[in-house]
């Protein structure tokens, strides 16, 4: 992925990447707050703004494998899929339970949750052996 040419674009991508990384870290601590989507967006943003932050994210112990498997296979490990689907179910279920939205809004909300879950589940599954190999690839091999 090529870094953006405009300084304004690079700055905007860097700020978006930092914000999404913060949300992803908060998602580890706060139940129901997503971390997979924000960290993938952070990975994209860093690839467009800063080689330094991109390298850091790709080598991160927790988030690195998620971003690497997405970049190379457009998929997730079975564990990431399971955690994502559990998070979607818990978050959307709790939201429906705690709110009193009209029926059409609830139907739309449930439809979105089902479509999002289906999309995640239909992405390629990256095996644990592939995950170990992904972490051994150099930065240059990942961005080529």
N, C-alpha and C. Protein backbone atom coordinates (compact mmCIF):
# COMPACT_ATOMS: atom_id res chain seq x y z
N UNK A 1 0.84 -1.18 0.00
CA UNK A 1 0.00 0.00 0.00
C UNK A 1 0.88 1.24 0.00
N UNK A 2 0.47 2.20 -0.75
CA UNK A 2 1.27 3.40 -0.90
C UNK A 2 0.82 4.47 0.09
N UNK A 3 1.80 5.17 0.61
CA UNK A 3 1.51 6.28 1.52
C UNK A 3 0.97 7.45 0.71
N UNK A 4 -0.03 8.14 1.24
CA UNK A 4 -0.65 9.27 0.55
C UNK A 4 0.38 10.35 0.27
N UNK A 5 0.22 11.03 -0.85
CA UNK A 5 1.18 12.05 -1.25
C UNK A 5 0.97 13.37 -0.54
N UNK A 6 -0.27 13.73 -0.31
CA UNK A 6 -0.60 15.00 0.31
C UNK A 6 -0.34 14.96 1.82
N UNK A 7 0.26 16.01 2.34
CA UNK A 7 0.52 16.08 3.78
C UNK A 7 -0.79 16.12 4.57
N UNK A 8 -1.79 16.79 4.03
CA UNK A 8 -3.10 16.86 4.69
C UNK A 8 -3.72 15.46 4.77
N UNK A 9 -3.64 14.71 3.67
CA UNK A 9 -4.18 13.34 3.65
C UNK A 9 -3.43 12.46 4.65
N UNK A 10 -2.10 12.54 4.65
CA UNK A 10 -1.31 11.73 5.58
C UNK A 10 -1.67 12.05 7.02
N UNK A 11 -1.84 13.34 7.32
CA UNK A 11 -2.20 13.75 8.68
C UNK A 11 -3.58 13.23 9.05
N UNK A 12 -4.54 13.35 8.13
CA UNK A 12 -5.90 12.86 8.40
C UNK A 12 -5.89 11.35 8.61
N UNK A 13 -5.17 10.61 7.77
CA UNK A 13 -5.08 9.16 7.93
C UNK A 13 -4.40 8.79 9.25
N UNK A 14 -3.36 9.53 9.62
CA UNK A 14 -2.66 9.25 10.88
C UNK A 14 -3.58 9.47 12.07
N UNK A 15 -4.31 10.58 12.08
CA UNK A 15 -5.23 10.86 13.18
C UNK A 15 -6.34 9.81 13.25
N UNK A 16 -6.87 9.42 12.10
CA UNK A 16 -7.90 8.38 12.07
C UNK A 16 -7.33 7.06 12.59
N UNK A 17 -6.10 6.73 12.19
CA UNK A 17 -5.46 5.51 12.66
C UNK A 17 -5.25 5.52 14.16
N UNK A 18 -4.82 6.64 14.71
CA UNK A 18 -4.62 6.74 16.17
C UNK A 18 -5.95 6.63 16.91
N UNK A 19 -6.98 7.29 16.40
CA UNK A 19 -8.30 7.21 17.01
C UNK A 19 -8.82 5.76 17.00
N UNK A 20 -8.71 5.10 15.86
CA UNK A 20 -9.20 3.72 15.75
C UNK A 20 -8.38 2.77 16.63
N UNK A 21 -7.10 3.02 16.76
CA UNK A 21 -6.27 2.19 17.64
C UNK A 21 -6.72 2.37 19.08
N UNK A 22 -7.02 3.60 19.47
CA UNK A 22 -7.53 3.85 20.82
C UNK A 22 -8.84 3.13 21.07
N UNK A 23 -9.74 3.18 20.10
CA UNK A 23 -11.02 2.48 20.23
C UNK A 23 -10.79 0.97 20.33
N UNK A 24 -9.87 0.44 19.55
CA UNK A 24 -9.59 -1.00 19.58
C UNK A 24 -9.03 -1.40 20.94
N UNK A 25 -8.11 -0.61 21.50
CA UNK A 25 -7.58 -0.92 22.84
C UNK A 25 -8.69 -0.84 23.88
N UNK A 26 -9.57 0.15 23.75
CA UNK A 26 -10.69 0.25 24.69
C UNK A 26 -11.61 -0.96 24.54
N UNK A 27 -11.73 -1.47 23.31
CA UNK A 27 -12.57 -2.64 23.05
C UNK A 27 -12.06 -3.90 23.74
N UNK A 28 -10.79 -3.94 24.05
CA UNK A 28 -10.24 -5.08 24.78
C UNK A 28 -10.73 -5.04 26.22
N UNK A 29 -10.85 -3.84 26.76
CA UNK A 29 -11.19 -3.66 28.17
C UNK A 29 -12.69 -3.58 28.39
N UNK A 30 -13.40 -2.88 27.52
CA UNK A 30 -14.83 -2.63 27.69
C UNK A 30 -15.64 -3.67 26.91
N UNK A 31 -16.39 -4.50 27.62
CA UNK A 31 -17.21 -5.50 26.92
C UNK A 31 -18.22 -4.84 25.98
N UNK A 32 -18.36 -5.41 24.80
CA UNK A 32 -19.32 -4.89 23.83
C UNK A 32 -18.77 -3.85 22.89
N UNK A 33 -17.62 -3.29 23.19
CA UNK A 33 -17.00 -2.31 22.29
C UNK A 33 -16.14 -3.09 21.29
N UNK A 34 -16.37 -2.90 20.00
CA UNK A 34 -15.63 -3.69 19.01
C UNK A 34 -14.16 -3.32 18.94
N UNK A 35 -13.34 -4.28 18.57
CA UNK A 35 -11.93 -3.99 18.35
C UNK A 35 -11.46 -4.43 16.97
N UNK A 36 -12.09 -5.43 16.38
CA UNK A 36 -11.63 -5.94 15.08
C UNK A 36 -11.80 -4.90 13.97
N UNK A 37 -12.99 -4.36 13.82
CA UNK A 37 -13.22 -3.34 12.78
C UNK A 37 -12.33 -2.12 12.93
N UNK A 38 -12.29 -1.54 14.13
CA UNK A 38 -11.42 -0.37 14.30
C UNK A 38 -9.95 -0.66 14.03
N UNK A 39 -9.46 -1.85 14.41
CA UNK A 39 -8.03 -2.10 14.19
C UNK A 39 -7.74 -2.33 12.71
N UNK A 40 -8.69 -2.88 11.98
CA UNK A 40 -8.49 -3.01 10.53
C UNK A 40 -8.48 -1.64 9.86
N UNK A 41 -9.35 -0.74 10.31
CA UNK A 41 -9.36 0.62 9.79
C UNK A 41 -8.08 1.35 10.18
N UNK A 42 -7.59 1.11 11.38
CA UNK A 42 -6.31 1.71 11.81
C UNK A 42 -5.18 1.20 10.92
N UNK A 43 -5.20 -0.10 10.62
CA UNK A 43 -4.16 -0.66 9.75
C UNK A 43 -4.17 -0.02 8.37
N UNK A 44 -5.34 0.16 7.82
CA UNK A 44 -5.44 0.83 6.52
C UNK A 44 -4.95 2.27 6.62
N UNK A 45 -5.38 2.96 7.66
CA UNK A 45 -5.00 4.36 7.84
C UNK A 45 -3.49 4.52 8.00
N UNK A 46 -2.88 3.66 8.81
CA UNK A 46 -1.43 3.74 9.00
C UNK A 46 -0.68 3.40 7.71
N UNK A 47 -1.23 2.48 6.90
CA UNK A 47 -0.56 2.14 5.64
C UNK A 47 -0.56 3.33 4.69
N UNK A 48 -1.49 4.25 4.87
CA UNK A 48 -1.57 5.44 4.02
C UNK A 48 -0.87 6.65 4.62
N UNK A 49 -0.43 6.54 5.90
CA UNK A 49 0.09 7.74 6.54
C UNK A 49 1.50 7.61 7.12
N UNK A 50 1.84 6.45 7.67
CA UNK A 50 3.09 6.37 8.40
C UNK A 50 3.65 4.95 8.41
N UNK A 51 4.81 4.78 7.80
CA UNK A 51 5.46 3.47 7.81
C UNK A 51 5.79 3.05 9.25
N UNK A 52 6.18 4.01 10.07
CA UNK A 52 6.53 3.72 11.47
C UNK A 52 5.35 3.11 12.23
N UNK A 53 4.19 3.74 12.16
CA UNK A 53 3.01 3.23 12.86
C UNK A 53 2.50 1.94 12.21
N UNK A 54 2.63 1.84 10.88
CA UNK A 54 2.21 0.64 10.19
C UNK A 54 3.06 -0.55 10.65
N UNK A 55 4.37 -0.36 10.72
CA UNK A 55 5.27 -1.42 11.22
C UNK A 55 4.91 -1.79 12.65
N UNK A 56 4.66 -0.79 13.48
CA UNK A 56 4.32 -1.05 14.88
C UNK A 56 3.07 -1.91 14.99
N UNK A 57 2.03 -1.54 14.24
CA UNK A 57 0.77 -2.27 14.31
C UNK A 57 0.93 -3.70 13.80
N UNK A 58 1.66 -3.87 12.70
CA UNK A 58 1.84 -5.21 12.14
C UNK A 58 2.68 -6.11 13.04
N UNK A 59 3.49 -5.53 13.89
CA UNK A 59 4.31 -6.35 14.80
C UNK A 59 3.69 -6.46 16.19
N UNK A 60 2.55 -5.81 16.41
CA UNK A 60 1.90 -5.85 17.71
C UNK A 60 1.48 -7.28 18.05
N UNK A 61 1.70 -7.68 19.27
CA UNK A 61 1.43 -9.05 19.72
C UNK A 61 -0.04 -9.43 19.54
N UNK A 62 -0.94 -8.54 19.87
CA UNK A 62 -2.36 -8.86 19.83
C UNK A 62 -3.01 -8.49 18.49
N UNK A 63 -2.75 -7.28 18.01
CA UNK A 63 -3.42 -6.80 16.81
C UNK A 63 -2.71 -7.17 15.51
N UNK A 64 -1.41 -7.41 15.57
CA UNK A 64 -0.64 -7.73 14.37
C UNK A 64 -1.21 -8.88 13.56
N UNK A 65 -1.50 -10.02 14.19
CA UNK A 65 -2.03 -11.15 13.41
C UNK A 65 -3.36 -10.85 12.72
N UNK A 66 -4.20 -10.05 13.36
CA UNK A 66 -5.50 -9.71 12.77
C UNK A 66 -5.28 -8.89 11.50
N UNK A 67 -4.44 -7.87 11.58
CA UNK A 67 -4.20 -7.00 10.42
C UNK A 67 -3.45 -7.76 9.33
N UNK A 68 -2.47 -8.56 9.72
CA UNK A 68 -1.71 -9.34 8.74
C UNK A 68 -2.62 -10.33 8.00
N UNK A 69 -3.47 -11.06 8.72
CA UNK A 69 -4.33 -12.04 8.06
C UNK A 69 -5.33 -11.35 7.14
N UNK A 70 -5.77 -10.15 7.51
CA UNK A 70 -6.67 -9.42 6.64
C UNK A 70 -5.95 -8.95 5.38
N UNK A 71 -4.75 -8.40 5.55
CA UNK A 71 -4.03 -7.88 4.39
C UNK A 71 -3.66 -8.98 3.39
N UNK A 72 -3.29 -10.14 3.88
CA UNK A 72 -2.83 -11.18 2.97
C UNK A 72 -3.94 -12.12 2.50
N UNK A 73 -4.92 -12.38 3.32
CA UNK A 73 -5.95 -13.37 2.96
C UNK A 73 -7.37 -12.80 2.95
N UNK A 74 -7.54 -11.56 3.36
CA UNK A 74 -8.87 -10.97 3.53
C UNK A 74 -9.75 -11.88 4.37
N UNK A 75 -9.14 -12.42 5.44
CA UNK A 75 -9.86 -13.33 6.31
C UNK A 75 -9.46 -13.16 7.76
N UNK A 76 -10.04 -13.99 8.61
CA UNK A 76 -9.81 -13.93 10.05
C UNK A 76 -9.54 -15.33 10.57
N UNK A 77 -8.90 -15.41 11.72
CA UNK A 77 -8.76 -16.70 12.38
C UNK A 77 -10.13 -17.09 12.95
N UNK A 78 -10.28 -18.36 13.24
CA UNK A 78 -11.53 -18.85 13.82
C UNK A 78 -11.83 -18.12 15.13
N UNK A 79 -10.80 -17.88 15.91
CA UNK A 79 -10.97 -17.21 17.21
C UNK A 79 -11.51 -15.79 17.03
N UNK A 80 -10.95 -15.05 16.09
CA UNK A 80 -11.41 -13.68 15.84
C UNK A 80 -12.86 -13.70 15.38
N UNK A 81 -13.21 -14.65 14.52
CA UNK A 81 -14.60 -14.76 14.07
C UNK A 81 -15.53 -15.03 15.26
N UNK A 82 -15.14 -15.96 16.12
CA UNK A 82 -15.99 -16.30 17.26
C UNK A 82 -16.16 -15.12 18.21
N UNK A 83 -15.05 -14.43 18.52
CA UNK A 83 -15.14 -13.27 19.41
C UNK A 83 -15.98 -12.16 18.78
N UNK A 84 -15.81 -11.95 17.48
CA UNK A 84 -16.59 -10.91 16.80
C UNK A 84 -18.08 -11.22 16.84
N UNK A 85 -18.42 -12.46 16.54
CA UNK A 85 -19.84 -12.83 16.53
C UNK A 85 -20.43 -12.79 17.94
N UNK A 86 -19.66 -13.20 18.93
CA UNK A 86 -20.14 -13.12 20.31
C UNK A 86 -20.35 -11.65 20.70
N UNK A 87 -19.42 -10.80 20.31
CA UNK A 87 -19.56 -9.37 20.61
C UNK A 87 -20.75 -8.74 19.92
N UNK A 88 -20.97 -9.09 18.67
CA UNK A 88 -22.12 -8.57 17.93
C UNK A 88 -23.42 -9.01 18.61
N UNK A 89 -23.49 -10.29 18.94
CA UNK A 89 -24.69 -10.83 19.58
C UNK A 89 -24.96 -10.14 20.91
N UNK A 90 -23.92 -10.02 21.73
CA UNK A 90 -24.08 -9.40 23.06
C UNK A 90 -24.45 -7.92 22.94
N UNK A 91 -23.74 -7.20 22.10
CA UNK A 91 -23.95 -5.77 21.96
C UNK A 91 -25.34 -5.46 21.39
N UNK A 92 -25.67 -6.11 20.29
CA UNK A 92 -26.96 -5.84 19.66
C UNK A 92 -28.10 -6.34 20.54
N UNK A 93 -27.91 -7.51 21.17
CA UNK A 93 -28.95 -8.03 22.06
C UNK A 93 -29.21 -7.12 23.24
N UNK A 94 -28.15 -6.64 23.85
CA UNK A 94 -28.29 -5.73 24.99
C UNK A 94 -28.93 -4.41 24.56
N UNK A 95 -28.54 -3.92 23.41
CA UNK A 95 -29.13 -2.67 22.90
C UNK A 95 -30.63 -2.83 22.67
N UNK A 96 -31.02 -3.95 22.09
CA UNK A 96 -32.46 -4.19 21.87
C UNK A 96 -33.21 -4.31 23.19
N UNK A 97 -32.58 -4.94 24.16
CA UNK A 97 -33.22 -5.13 25.46
C UNK A 97 -33.39 -3.81 26.22
N UNK A 98 -32.39 -2.93 26.11
CA UNK A 98 -32.39 -1.69 26.90
C UNK A 98 -33.09 -0.51 26.23
N UNK A 99 -33.43 -0.64 24.96
CA UNK A 99 -34.07 0.49 24.27
C UNK A 99 -35.51 0.16 23.96
N UNK A 100 -36.25 1.20 23.65
CA UNK A 100 -37.65 1.00 23.27
C UNK A 100 -37.90 1.65 21.91
N UNK A 101 -37.16 1.20 20.93
CA UNK A 101 -37.31 1.72 19.58
C UNK A 101 -38.56 1.15 18.93
N UNK A 102 -39.06 1.82 17.92
CA UNK A 102 -40.22 1.28 17.20
C UNK A 102 -39.82 -0.02 16.47
N UNK A 103 -40.81 -0.84 16.18
CA UNK A 103 -40.58 -2.14 15.56
C UNK A 103 -39.76 -2.06 14.27
N UNK A 104 -40.02 -1.13 13.35
CA UNK A 104 -39.20 -1.07 12.13
C UNK A 104 -37.72 -0.81 12.43
N UNK A 105 -37.43 0.00 13.42
CA UNK A 105 -36.04 0.25 13.79
C UNK A 105 -35.40 -1.02 14.35
N UNK A 106 -36.14 -1.75 15.17
CA UNK A 106 -35.63 -3.01 15.72
C UNK A 106 -35.36 -4.03 14.61
N UNK A 107 -36.26 -4.10 13.65
CA UNK A 107 -36.08 -5.03 12.52
C UNK A 107 -34.83 -4.64 11.72
N UNK A 108 -34.65 -3.35 11.48
CA UNK A 108 -33.46 -2.87 10.78
C UNK A 108 -32.19 -3.18 11.55
N UNK A 109 -32.25 -2.99 12.85
CA UNK A 109 -31.10 -3.25 13.73
C UNK A 109 -30.71 -4.73 13.69
N UNK A 110 -31.70 -5.60 13.82
CA UNK A 110 -31.45 -7.05 13.78
C UNK A 110 -30.95 -7.47 12.40
N UNK A 111 -31.53 -6.90 11.35
CA UNK A 111 -31.09 -7.21 9.99
C UNK A 111 -29.62 -6.83 9.81
N UNK A 112 -29.24 -5.65 10.29
CA UNK A 112 -27.84 -5.23 10.19
C UNK A 112 -26.93 -6.20 10.95
N UNK A 113 -27.32 -6.60 12.15
CA UNK A 113 -26.52 -7.53 12.95
C UNK A 113 -26.35 -8.87 12.23
N UNK A 114 -27.42 -9.37 11.64
CA UNK A 114 -27.36 -10.65 10.92
C UNK A 114 -26.47 -10.53 9.68
N UNK A 115 -26.62 -9.44 8.92
CA UNK A 115 -25.78 -9.25 7.73
C UNK A 115 -24.31 -9.09 8.09
N UNK A 116 -24.04 -8.33 9.14
CA UNK A 116 -22.66 -8.15 9.59
C UNK A 116 -22.07 -9.49 10.04
N UNK A 117 -22.83 -10.26 10.79
CA UNK A 117 -22.36 -11.58 11.24
C UNK A 117 -22.11 -12.51 10.06
N UNK A 118 -23.02 -12.50 9.10
CA UNK A 118 -22.87 -13.35 7.91
C UNK A 118 -21.63 -12.95 7.13
N UNK A 119 -21.40 -11.64 6.99
CA UNK A 119 -20.22 -11.17 6.26
C UNK A 119 -18.94 -11.65 6.94
N UNK A 120 -18.87 -11.49 8.25
CA UNK A 120 -17.68 -11.93 8.99
C UNK A 120 -17.49 -13.44 8.84
N UNK A 121 -18.57 -14.19 9.00
CA UNK A 121 -18.47 -15.65 8.96
C UNK A 121 -18.07 -16.17 7.59
N UNK A 122 -18.42 -15.45 6.52
CA UNK A 122 -18.10 -15.92 5.17
C UNK A 122 -16.71 -15.49 4.69
N UNK A 123 -15.99 -14.71 5.48
CA UNK A 123 -14.61 -14.38 5.10
C UNK A 123 -13.76 -15.65 5.25
N UNK A 124 -12.66 -15.74 4.50
CA UNK A 124 -11.80 -16.92 4.63
C UNK A 124 -11.30 -17.09 6.07
N UNK A 125 -11.18 -18.34 6.49
CA UNK A 125 -10.66 -18.64 7.82
C UNK A 125 -9.17 -18.92 7.71
N UNK A 126 -8.40 -18.17 8.45
CA UNK A 126 -6.94 -18.33 8.47
C UNK A 126 -6.61 -19.27 9.62
N UNK A 127 -5.93 -20.37 9.30
CA UNK A 127 -5.59 -21.36 10.32
C UNK A 127 -4.49 -20.89 11.25
N UNK A 128 -4.35 -21.56 12.38
CA UNK A 128 -3.33 -21.16 13.35
C UNK A 128 -1.92 -21.34 12.79
N UNK A 129 -1.71 -22.34 11.92
CA UNK A 129 -0.39 -22.51 11.30
C UNK A 129 -0.10 -21.33 10.37
N UNK A 130 -1.13 -20.90 9.62
CA UNK A 130 -0.97 -19.74 8.74
C UNK A 130 -0.68 -18.49 9.56
N UNK A 131 -1.32 -18.39 10.72
CA UNK A 131 -1.13 -17.23 11.60
C UNK A 131 0.33 -17.14 12.04
N UNK A 132 0.93 -18.27 12.40
CA UNK A 132 2.33 -18.27 12.81
C UNK A 132 3.24 -17.86 11.66
N UNK A 133 2.93 -18.35 10.46
CA UNK A 133 3.72 -17.97 9.28
C UNK A 133 3.57 -16.48 8.98
N UNK A 134 2.36 -15.95 9.15
CA UNK A 134 2.12 -14.53 8.90
C UNK A 134 2.99 -13.65 9.78
N UNK A 135 3.15 -14.05 11.03
CA UNK A 135 3.94 -13.24 11.96
C UNK A 135 5.44 -13.29 11.65
N UNK A 136 5.85 -14.28 10.89
CA UNK A 136 7.27 -14.39 10.52
C UNK A 136 7.62 -13.58 9.27
N UNK A 137 6.62 -13.16 8.52
CA UNK A 137 6.88 -12.37 7.31
C UNK A 137 7.42 -11.00 7.68
N UNK A 138 8.34 -10.54 6.87
CA UNK A 138 8.90 -9.20 7.11
C UNK A 138 7.92 -8.13 6.66
N UNK A 139 8.16 -6.92 7.11
CA UNK A 139 7.29 -5.80 6.73
C UNK A 139 7.30 -5.63 5.20
N UNK A 140 8.47 -5.75 4.60
CA UNK A 140 8.58 -5.57 3.16
C UNK A 140 7.75 -6.61 2.40
N UNK A 141 7.69 -7.85 2.91
CA UNK A 141 6.89 -8.88 2.26
C UNK A 141 5.40 -8.59 2.39
N UNK A 142 5.01 -7.95 3.48
CA UNK A 142 3.59 -7.64 3.70
C UNK A 142 3.10 -6.49 2.84
N UNK A 143 3.95 -5.53 2.57
CA UNK A 143 3.49 -4.36 1.83
C UNK A 143 3.77 -4.47 0.33
N UNK A 144 4.42 -5.53 -0.07
CA UNK A 144 4.76 -5.71 -1.51
C UNK A 144 3.53 -6.00 -2.32
